[in-house]
Amino acid sequence: MSARGSKSDYIILGTLGALSAGIILLLILFGWLTTARERAIVRTSHSCNVEGTVVAYVLFERLGMPVQRSERLLLTDTLKELDVVLLIDPIIPLGSGEVHGLRNWIRKGGLLICSGWDDELVDIHGIRRHYEFESESLHDRRTRRWKAKVRDRLQDAVEGPAAGPLARDVKKVSFASSRALDSDASDPGNGNLAPVEELLVDNGGLRIAERKIGTGRVIVIADSSFMSNGRIGNNDNAVLTANLVAYARDRSRGKRVAFDEYHFGFGSRPTGRGVMASMLFTTSPGWSVLSLSVAGVLFLIYKGRRFGTRREPGRTRRRSKLEYVYSVGATYRSAGANRLAARLIYQWFRRRVALLAGLPETASIDEIAPRLARRTGKPPSRYEKTLRECENALVAAKLSAQQASELIRQLAAIESEVFDGHQSRK
């Protein structure tokens, strides 16, 4: 960096500021142009915007020509429920399955009213836009089409008298551009097609044309702006809009008319799970899979069945510490020390029950027995009798192994009653 306050610093800062401002202005201009372009092609009947077609939708209802909105892919199952479909400047391209379904539907008597110049639509009706030089290269043609679109968006309204089958009671129409159709140029990829019939011609050229395909028809609109909310009230545009649908109803196999809304983003695209679920319930292999699945679930339920009521798991009883003492006492008894073994067990037991009853180790049997009875809910005499038998046996002249085992058994029973289920011992 140069010295503080140098002239070059201000030049650099000024240049960066100018560049930043220019980038911001370009982004704003790009967003405005993108919004304007999207607004110019959205012909949805859900929109009250000047470029929407909700007014035309209400107009048909008021004239006794009820229409509906289709928010599904234009496949066979959707098209078989319709007789006339208005596919006006779609913003979502048609899929290959839709193109195939539309072709078959038209050949069987369906009538398609469409506008827009996507390759898929041109591939169906084979009618091209009017250009002055058809022998241009592909690059030049695409460049000129882009320029034509920009010019159409900036051009003022084109008004003039109209002629043709749709011009009944129509003296003057108004379009947003000079776009027209070429009645002589057909798409060579479509093979031998029926000739193009002119339905509406004004001073801008052929505006609406028709072509028969099989037993059905396709009506192509060069500029659909006359149906938009902002222009349908101009001149005789409303009459032309009503004539168009009335003409289509008279030449279709039925009266079921629908605006396509799926290609404006309404509706939902089928997901992989949705397609799989549909196949499960609508195809023979799907029903086979469902039947096998149900059979497998029933087999698992059968294998896991149980009889009778459910039993709760039994309460786990802790191991008594008398077992360890008893094993030590058994060692003493094997050596003939029955009295010593019984004394050790009794002293340990008395000390523990005294502490459990909240009494000192030297407490008497008359004090210990009532405390144990309150704890277990049994009569005090039961504990008093057992404890006195133990003390009398220990002061007797002789204690046999059988007597010692019986005393220990009684102490173990009391230990189970007093200690089991209560706080653990230390």
Protein backbone atom coordinates (compact mmCIF):
# COMPACT_ATOMS: atom_id res chain seq x y z
CA MET A 1 0.00 0.00 0.00
CA SER A 2 1.09 3.51 -0.60
CA ALA A 3 1.51 6.12 2.07
CA ARG A 4 -1.52 7.17 4.09
CA GLY A 5 -3.62 9.73 2.23
CA SER A 6 -1.98 8.97 -1.12
CA LYS A 7 -3.97 9.74 -4.29
CA SER A 8 -3.58 6.15 -5.56
CA ASP A 9 -5.54 4.81 -2.56
CA TYR A 10 -8.57 6.89 -3.48
CA ILE A 11 -8.31 5.80 -7.10
CA ILE A 12 -8.26 2.12 -6.10
CA LEU A 13 -11.16 2.54 -3.66
CA GLY A 14 -13.17 4.48 -6.24
CA THR A 15 -12.57 1.84 -8.91
CA LEU A 16 -13.62 -0.98 -6.57
CA GLY A 17 -16.73 0.95 -5.54
CA ALA A 18 -17.70 1.57 -9.17
CA LEU A 19 -17.20 -2.10 -10.03
CA SER A 20 -19.31 -3.19 -7.06
CA ALA A 21 -22.10 -0.80 -7.96
CA GLY A 22 -22.02 -1.97 -11.58
CA ILE A 23 -22.24 -5.64 -10.56
CA ILE A 24 -25.18 -4.89 -8.25
CA LEU A 25 -27.01 -3.02 -11.01
CA LEU A 26 -26.40 -5.87 -13.47
CA LEU A 27 -27.79 -8.39 -10.97
CA ILE A 28 -30.88 -6.24 -10.43
CA LEU A 29 -31.38 -5.86 -14.19
CA PHE A 30 -30.91 -9.60 -14.75
CA GLY A 31 -33.46 -10.42 -12.05
CA TRP A 32 -35.94 -7.95 -13.55
CA LEU A 33 -35.54 -9.39 -17.05
CA THR A 34 -35.85 -12.97 -15.74
CA THR A 35 -39.01 -12.09 -13.83
CA ALA A 36 -40.47 -10.35 -16.86
CA ARG A 37 -39.71 -13.35 -19.07
CA GLU A 38 -41.28 -15.83 -16.65
CA ARG A 39 -44.34 -13.62 -16.27
CA ALA A 40 -44.80 -13.53 -20.05
CA ILE A 41 -45.18 -17.31 -20.42
CA VAL A 42 -47.17 -18.34 -17.32
CA ARG A 43 -50.71 -18.97 -18.60
CA THR A 44 -52.04 -20.89 -15.62
CA SER A 45 -55.76 -20.69 -14.86
CA HIS A 46 -54.88 -20.42 -11.15
CA SER A 47 -53.27 -16.98 -11.61
CA CYS A 48 -54.98 -13.60 -11.32
CA ASN A 49 -51.89 -11.94 -12.81
CA VAL A 50 -52.26 -10.09 -16.09
CA GLU A 51 -50.62 -13.04 -17.88
CA GLY A 52 -52.78 -15.71 -16.22
CA THR A 53 -55.97 -17.23 -17.65
CA VAL A 54 -58.30 -17.38 -14.66
CA VAL A 55 -60.69 -14.95 -16.39
CA ALA A 56 -60.99 -17.32 -19.35
CA TYR A 57 -61.66 -20.18 -16.94
CA VAL A 58 -64.51 -18.22 -15.30
CA LEU A 59 -65.81 -17.11 -18.71
CA PHE A 60 -66.25 -20.72 -19.85
CA GLU A 61 -68.11 -21.52 -16.64
CA ARG A 62 -70.47 -18.54 -17.12
CA LEU A 63 -71.17 -19.52 -20.75
CA GLY A 64 -72.24 -23.04 -19.79
CA MET A 65 -69.04 -24.65 -21.00
CA PRO A 66 -67.67 -26.11 -17.76
CA VAL A 67 -63.96 -26.83 -17.73
CA GLN A 68 -61.74 -28.51 -15.20
CA ARG A 69 -58.09 -28.39 -14.21
CA SER A 70 -55.80 -31.34 -14.81
CA GLU A 71 -52.88 -31.53 -12.38
CA ARG A 72 -51.48 -34.90 -13.45
CA LEU A 73 -49.08 -36.06 -16.15
CA LEU A 74 -50.73 -36.25 -19.56
CA LEU A 75 -50.49 -40.02 -19.71
CA THR A 76 -53.02 -42.54 -20.94
CA ASP A 77 -54.90 -42.89 -17.64
CA THR A 78 -55.36 -39.09 -17.44
CA LEU A 79 -56.20 -38.48 -21.09
CA LYS A 80 -58.88 -41.18 -21.26
CA GLU A 81 -60.99 -39.04 -18.90
CA LEU A 82 -60.73 -35.93 -21.14
CA ASP A 83 -61.91 -34.91 -24.62
CA VAL A 84 -60.32 -31.46 -25.03
CA VAL A 85 -57.04 -30.37 -23.40
CA LEU A 86 -55.74 -26.78 -23.36
CA LEU A 87 -51.94 -26.94 -23.17
CA ILE A 88 -51.12 -23.22 -23.26
CA ASP A 89 -47.43 -22.23 -23.21
CA PRO A 90 -46.24 -24.89 -20.70
CA ILE A 91 -43.16 -24.03 -18.66
CA ILE A 92 -42.35 -27.67 -17.87
CA PRO A 93 -41.39 -29.67 -20.98
CA LEU A 94 -43.42 -32.70 -21.97
CA GLY A 95 -41.90 -36.10 -21.31
CA SER A 96 -41.47 -38.78 -23.94
CA GLY A 97 -44.24 -40.83 -22.33
CA GLU A 98 -46.59 -37.84 -22.50
CA VAL A 99 -45.81 -37.21 -26.16
CA HIS A 100 -46.55 -40.85 -26.97
CA GLY A 101 -49.76 -40.77 -24.93
CA LEU A 102 -50.95 -37.53 -26.56
CA ARG A 103 -50.35 -38.92 -30.05
CA ASN A 104 -52.41 -42.04 -29.37
CA TRP A 105 -55.11 -40.02 -27.62
CA ILE A 106 -55.41 -37.60 -30.57
CA ARG A 107 -55.53 -40.43 -33.11
CA LYS A 108 -58.44 -41.93 -31.17
CA GLY A 109 -60.49 -38.72 -31.24
CA GLY A 110 -58.94 -36.37 -28.66
CA LEU A 111 -58.53 -32.66 -29.39
CA LEU A 112 -55.48 -30.72 -28.22
CA ILE A 113 -55.35 -26.91 -28.10
CA CYS A 114 -51.73 -25.88 -27.65
CA SER A 115 -49.28 -23.02 -27.96
CA GLY A 116 -45.57 -22.79 -27.39
CA TRP A 117 -42.65 -23.92 -29.48
CA ASP A 118 -40.92 -26.63 -27.56
CA ASP A 119 -39.62 -29.45 -29.72
CA GLU A 120 -42.06 -31.88 -28.09
CA LEU A 121 -45.11 -29.85 -29.09
CA VAL A 122 -43.86 -29.23 -32.63
CA ASP A 123 -43.17 -32.94 -32.91
CA ILE A 124 -46.86 -33.63 -32.21
CA HIS A 125 -48.56 -31.17 -34.57
CA GLY A 126 -45.79 -30.54 -37.11
CA ILE A 127 -46.71 -26.85 -37.58
CA ARG A 128 -43.86 -24.38 -37.50
CA ARG A 129 -43.74 -20.67 -36.86
CA HIS A 130 -43.47 -18.36 -39.82
CA TYR A 131 -39.91 -17.29 -40.60
CA GLU A 132 -38.63 -15.40 -43.56
CA PHE A 133 -35.63 -17.64 -44.21
CA GLU A 134 -36.13 -21.34 -43.60
CA SER A 135 -32.74 -22.35 -45.05
CA GLU A 136 -30.71 -20.77 -42.25
CA SER A 137 -28.25 -22.76 -40.18
CA LEU A 138 -29.40 -24.14 -36.86
CA HIS A 139 -27.27 -21.65 -34.93
CA ASP A 140 -28.58 -18.67 -36.88
CA ARG A 141 -32.14 -19.91 -36.55
CA ARG A 142 -31.87 -20.27 -32.78
CA THR A 143 -30.26 -16.83 -32.53
CA ARG A 144 -33.04 -15.29 -34.59
CA ARG A 145 -35.71 -17.06 -32.50
CA TRP A 146 -34.19 -15.61 -29.34
CA LYS A 147 -34.19 -12.15 -30.90
CA ALA A 148 -37.80 -12.63 -31.99
CA LYS A 149 -38.82 -13.51 -28.44
CA VAL A 150 -37.16 -10.37 -27.08
CA ARG A 151 -38.77 -8.28 -29.81
CA ASP A 152 -42.18 -9.81 -29.08
CA ARG A 153 -41.92 -8.91 -25.42
CA LEU A 154 -41.07 -5.31 -26.24
CA GLN A 155 -43.53 -4.86 -29.10
CA ASP A 156 -46.78 -2.98 -28.70
CA ALA A 157 -50.17 -4.63 -29.20
CA VAL A 158 -51.04 -5.79 -32.69
CA GLU A 159 -54.68 -5.14 -33.57
CA GLY A 160 -56.63 -5.77 -36.70
CA PRO A 161 -59.67 -7.39 -38.32
CA ALA A 162 -59.85 -11.19 -38.33
CA ALA A 163 -61.18 -13.83 -40.70
CA GLY A 164 -61.73 -17.58 -40.53
CA PRO A 165 -64.04 -20.08 -38.80
CA LEU A 166 -63.21 -18.59 -35.39
CA ALA A 167 -63.91 -15.00 -36.51
CA ARG A 168 -67.68 -15.25 -36.06
CA ASP A 169 -68.88 -12.09 -34.26
CA VAL A 170 -65.23 -11.04 -34.06
CA LYS A 171 -64.52 -7.70 -35.69
CA LYS A 172 -61.19 -6.87 -34.14
CA VAL A 173 -58.64 -8.82 -32.10
CA SER A 174 -55.65 -7.77 -30.07
CA PHE A 175 -52.40 -9.69 -29.68
CA ALA A 176 -49.22 -8.86 -27.78
CA SER A 177 -46.92 -9.76 -30.68
CA SER A 178 -46.79 -10.38 -34.41
CA ARG A 179 -46.09 -14.11 -34.08
CA ALA A 180 -47.78 -16.14 -36.80
CA LEU A 181 -47.89 -19.69 -38.16
CA ASP A 182 -46.57 -21.03 -41.44
CA SER A 183 -49.29 -23.06 -43.12
CA ASP A 184 -46.93 -24.39 -45.79
CA ALA A 185 -44.00 -25.58 -43.64
CA SER A 186 -44.44 -28.91 -41.88
CA ASP A 187 -42.03 -30.93 -39.80
CA PRO A 188 -40.60 -33.61 -42.14
CA GLY A 189 -40.12 -35.96 -39.22
CA ASN A 190 -43.88 -36.44 -38.93
CA GLY A 191 -44.25 -38.11 -42.35
CA ASN A 192 -47.36 -37.54 -44.43
CA LEU A 193 -49.67 -35.30 -42.45
CA ALA A 194 -53.05 -33.82 -43.24
CA PRO A 195 -53.03 -30.27 -44.58
CA VAL A 196 -53.16 -27.31 -42.21
CA GLU A 197 -56.56 -25.62 -41.89
CA GLU A 198 -56.64 -21.89 -41.21
CA LEU A 199 -58.95 -20.99 -38.34
CA LEU A 200 -58.04 -17.35 -37.71
CA VAL A 201 -56.16 -14.88 -39.90
CA ASP A 202 -55.60 -11.18 -39.28
CA ASN A 203 -53.27 -8.54 -40.62
CA GLY A 204 -50.40 -10.22 -38.74
CA GLY A 205 -50.84 -13.53 -40.57
CA LEU A 206 -52.14 -16.96 -39.60
CA ARG A 207 -52.83 -16.84 -35.87
CA ILE A 208 -54.67 -20.10 -35.20
CA ALA A 209 -54.44 -23.27 -37.31
CA GLU A 210 -55.77 -26.81 -37.15
CA ARG A 211 -54.56 -30.19 -38.35
CA LYS A 212 -56.34 -33.54 -38.30
CA ILE A 213 -54.38 -36.49 -36.91
CA GLY A 214 -56.25 -39.78 -37.14
CA THR A 215 -59.77 -39.18 -35.87
CA GLY A 216 -58.65 -36.32 -33.62
CA ARG A 217 -57.37 -32.80 -34.12
CA VAL A 218 -54.68 -30.40 -32.95
CA ILE A 219 -55.35 -26.67 -32.78
CA VAL A 220 -52.17 -24.56 -32.68
CA ILE A 221 -52.15 -20.97 -31.40
CA ALA A 222 -49.35 -18.66 -32.54
CA ASP A 223 -49.84 -16.14 -29.71
CA SER A 224 -52.00 -17.03 -26.69
CA SER A 225 -51.94 -13.50 -25.26
CA PHE A 226 -55.55 -12.86 -26.33
CA MET A 227 -56.63 -15.36 -23.59
CA SER A 228 -54.66 -13.65 -20.81
CA ASN A 229 -56.34 -11.75 -18.00
CA GLY A 230 -54.81 -8.47 -19.17
CA ARG A 231 -56.02 -8.73 -22.80
CA ILE A 232 -59.16 -10.85 -22.81
CA GLY A 233 -61.22 -7.68 -22.31
CA ASN A 234 -59.65 -5.87 -25.25
CA ASN A 235 -61.68 -5.60 -28.44
CA ASP A 236 -63.30 -8.98 -29.24
CA ASN A 237 -60.71 -11.21 -27.54
CA ALA A 238 -63.31 -12.66 -25.16
CA VAL A 239 -65.53 -13.66 -28.10
CA LEU A 240 -62.55 -15.28 -29.84
CA THR A 241 -61.70 -17.21 -26.65
CA ALA A 242 -65.26 -18.50 -26.35
CA ASN A 243 -65.36 -19.37 -30.08
CA LEU A 244 -62.15 -21.37 -29.73
CA VAL A 245 -63.46 -23.65 -26.97
CA ALA A 246 -66.92 -23.93 -28.54
CA TYR A 247 -65.33 -24.95 -31.85
CA ALA A 248 -63.20 -27.54 -30.08
CA ARG A 249 -66.19 -29.00 -28.21
CA ASP A 250 -68.20 -29.31 -31.42
CA ARG A 251 -65.43 -31.26 -33.18
CA SER A 252 -64.28 -33.43 -30.29
CA ARG A 253 -65.65 -36.80 -29.29
CA GLY A 254 -67.05 -35.40 -26.02
CA LYS A 255 -67.53 -32.27 -23.91
CA ARG A 256 -64.93 -32.83 -21.17
CA VAL A 257 -62.56 -29.84 -21.37
CA ALA A 258 -59.57 -29.26 -19.10
CA PHE A 259 -56.78 -26.74 -18.61
CA ASP A 260 -53.45 -28.49 -18.16
CA GLU A 261 -51.94 -27.20 -14.91
CA TYR A 262 -49.37 -29.88 -14.27
CA HIS A 263 -46.89 -28.26 -16.67
CA PHE A 264 -47.10 -25.03 -14.68
CA GLY A 265 -45.87 -26.76 -11.51
CA PHE A 266 -49.21 -27.76 -10.01
CA GLY A 267 -49.77 -31.34 -8.93
CA SER A 268 -46.98 -33.66 -7.86
CA ARG A 269 -44.54 -35.81 -9.74
CA PRO A 270 -44.72 -39.54 -8.98
CA THR A 271 -41.87 -40.73 -6.77
CA GLY A 272 -40.20 -44.12 -6.87
CA ARG A 273 -42.14 -45.21 -3.80
CA GLY A 274 -45.42 -44.03 -5.29
CA VAL A 275 -44.79 -45.94 -8.51
CA MET A 276 -43.90 -49.08 -6.55
CA ALA A 277 -47.04 -48.77 -4.41
CA SER A 278 -49.17 -48.30 -7.51
CA MET A 279 -47.64 -51.39 -9.11
CA LEU A 280 -48.29 -53.43 -5.98
CA PHE A 281 -52.03 -52.70 -6.03
CA THR A 282 -52.69 -52.53 -9.78
CA THR A 283 -50.67 -55.37 -11.33
CA SER A 284 -50.78 -59.15 -11.04
CA PRO A 285 -47.13 -59.46 -9.93
CA GLY A 286 -47.84 -56.80 -7.28
CA TRP A 287 -50.78 -58.77 -5.91
CA SER A 288 -48.59 -61.88 -5.84
CA VAL A 289 -45.95 -60.06 -3.78
CA LEU A 290 -48.62 -58.75 -1.40
CA SER A 291 -50.12 -62.24 -1.00
CA LEU A 292 -46.74 -63.78 -0.20
CA SER A 293 -45.99 -60.97 2.25
CA VAL A 294 -49.31 -61.46 4.07
CA ALA A 295 -48.73 -65.23 4.18
CA GLY A 296 -45.26 -64.67 5.64
CA VAL A 297 -46.60 -62.33 8.33
CA LEU A 298 -49.33 -64.81 9.27
CA PHE A 299 -46.74 -67.60 9.48
CA LEU A 300 -44.57 -65.51 11.81
CA ILE A 301 -47.61 -64.75 13.99
CA TYR A 302 -48.43 -68.47 14.09
CA LYS A 303 -44.87 -69.39 15.09
CA GLY A 304 -44.83 -66.79 17.82
CA ARG A 305 -48.18 -67.68 19.37
CA ARG A 306 -48.55 -68.53 23.09
CA PHE A 307 -51.20 -70.33 25.14
CA GLY A 308 -52.71 -69.22 28.43
CA THR A 309 -52.15 -65.99 30.26
CA ARG A 310 -48.79 -64.33 30.44
CA ARG A 311 -46.85 -64.96 33.65
CA GLU A 312 -44.67 -62.32 35.18
CA PRO A 313 -41.07 -63.37 35.87
CA GLY A 314 -40.58 -64.65 39.40
CA ARG A 315 -38.91 -62.51 41.96
CA THR A 316 -35.23 -63.26 42.27
CA ARG A 317 -34.29 -64.17 45.80
CA ARG A 318 -30.91 -63.09 46.99
CA ARG A 319 -28.56 -65.66 48.38
CA SER A 320 -28.47 -65.87 52.15
CA LYS A 321 -25.24 -65.16 53.96
CA LEU A 322 -26.15 -68.04 56.22
CA GLU A 323 -25.15 -70.31 53.37
CA TYR A 324 -21.54 -69.23 53.80
CA VAL A 325 -21.78 -69.44 57.57
CA TYR A 326 -23.48 -72.80 57.29
CA SER A 327 -20.68 -74.15 55.08
CA VAL A 328 -18.12 -73.01 57.63
CA GLY A 329 -20.19 -74.61 60.35
CA ALA A 330 -20.32 -77.85 58.34
CA THR A 331 -16.55 -77.90 58.43
CA TYR A 332 -16.59 -77.57 62.17
CA ARG A 333 -19.23 -80.29 62.51
CA SER A 334 -17.20 -82.63 60.36
CA ALA A 335 -14.47 -82.19 62.97
CA GLY A 336 -16.97 -82.89 65.77
CA ALA A 337 -17.21 -79.23 66.88
CA ASN A 338 -21.01 -79.02 66.71
CA ARG A 339 -21.31 -76.64 69.62
CA LEU A 340 -18.65 -74.27 68.20
CA ALA A 341 -20.33 -74.20 64.79
CA ALA A 342 -23.79 -73.53 66.26
CA ARG A 343 -22.38 -70.82 68.53
CA LEU A 344 -20.69 -69.01 65.62
CA ILE A 345 -23.85 -69.04 63.53
CA TYR A 346 -26.11 -67.99 66.39
CA GLN A 347 -23.86 -65.12 67.49
CA TRP A 348 -23.61 -63.83 63.92
CA PHE A 349 -27.39 -64.07 63.48
CA ARG A 350 -28.22 -62.38 66.80
CA ARG A 351 -25.87 -59.52 66.10
CA ARG A 352 -27.40 -58.94 62.68
CA VAL A 353 -31.05 -59.01 63.80
CA ALA A 354 -30.27 -56.69 66.70
CA LEU A 355 -28.74 -54.15 64.35
CA LEU A 356 -31.66 -54.57 61.94
CA ALA A 357 -34.13 -53.94 64.77
CA GLY A 358 -32.20 -50.82 65.79
CA LEU A 359 -30.98 -52.30 69.09
CA PRO A 360 -27.52 -52.77 70.54
CA GLU A 361 -25.80 -56.15 70.10
CA THR A 362 -26.32 -56.86 73.82
CA ALA A 363 -30.12 -56.45 73.64
CA SER A 364 -32.18 -59.24 75.18
CA ILE A 365 -34.47 -61.67 73.36
CA ASP A 366 -37.51 -59.95 74.89
CA GLU A 367 -36.46 -56.73 73.11
CA ILE A 368 -35.47 -58.27 69.78
CA ALA A 369 -38.52 -60.51 69.20
CA PRO A 370 -41.19 -57.71 69.20
CA ARG A 371 -39.10 -55.61 66.78
CA LEU A 372 -38.81 -58.52 64.34
CA ALA A 373 -42.54 -59.24 64.64
CA ARG A 374 -43.42 -55.65 63.69
CA ARG A 375 -41.16 -55.94 60.68
CA THR A 376 -42.63 -59.18 59.33
CA GLY A 377 -46.17 -59.06 60.72
CA LYS A 378 -45.88 -62.40 62.51
CA PRO A 379 -46.35 -63.09 66.27
CA PRO A 380 -43.34 -62.32 68.52
CA SER A 381 -43.59 -65.75 70.11
CA ARG A 382 -42.26 -67.37 66.95
CA TYR A 383 -38.93 -65.55 67.15
CA GLU A 384 -38.70 -65.60 70.91
CA LYS A 385 -39.14 -69.39 71.00
CA THR A 386 -36.46 -70.05 68.35
CA LEU A 387 -33.90 -67.71 69.88
CA ARG A 388 -34.40 -69.23 73.38
CA GLU A 389 -34.04 -72.77 72.01
CA CYS A 390 -30.70 -71.73 70.47
CA GLU A 391 -29.44 -70.24 73.74
CA ASN A 392 -30.57 -73.27 75.78
CA ALA A 393 -28.90 -75.66 73.33
CA LEU A 394 -25.63 -73.82 73.48
CA VAL A 395 -25.45 -74.10 77.31
CA ALA A 396 -26.52 -77.78 77.35
CA ALA A 397 -24.05 -80.48 78.21
CA LYS A 398 -24.11 -82.06 74.76
CA LEU A 399 -25.19 -80.91 71.27
CA SER A 400 -25.53 -83.50 68.52
CA ALA A 401 -25.02 -82.82 64.81
CA GLN A 402 -28.72 -83.34 64.18
CA GLN A 403 -29.68 -80.78 66.85
CA ALA A 404 -27.16 -78.30 65.44
CA SER A 405 -28.58 -78.73 61.89
CA GLU A 406 -32.13 -78.19 63.15
CA LEU A 407 -31.15 -74.99 64.97
CA ILE A 408 -29.39 -73.69 61.88
CA ARG A 409 -32.44 -74.55 59.74
CA GLN A 410 -34.72 -72.52 62.02
CA LEU A 411 -32.33 -69.58 61.97
CA ALA A 412 -32.21 -69.73 58.16
CA ALA A 413 -36.01 -69.62 58.02
CA ILE A 414 -36.09 -66.54 60.24
CA GLU A 415 -33.32 -64.96 58.19
CA SER A 416 -35.37 -65.46 55.02
CA GLU A 417 -38.43 -63.84 56.58
CA VAL A 418 -36.63 -60.89 58.13
CA PHE A 419 -34.00 -60.01 55.55
CA ASP A 420 -35.54 -61.08 52.22
CA GLY A 421 -37.11 -58.13 50.39
CA HIS A 422 -35.71 -55.53 52.79
CA GLN A 423 -32.65 -53.37 52.59
CA SER A 424 -29.44 -55.28 51.87
CA ARG A 425 -27.11 -56.02 54.63
CA LYS A 426 -23.60 -54.76 54.94
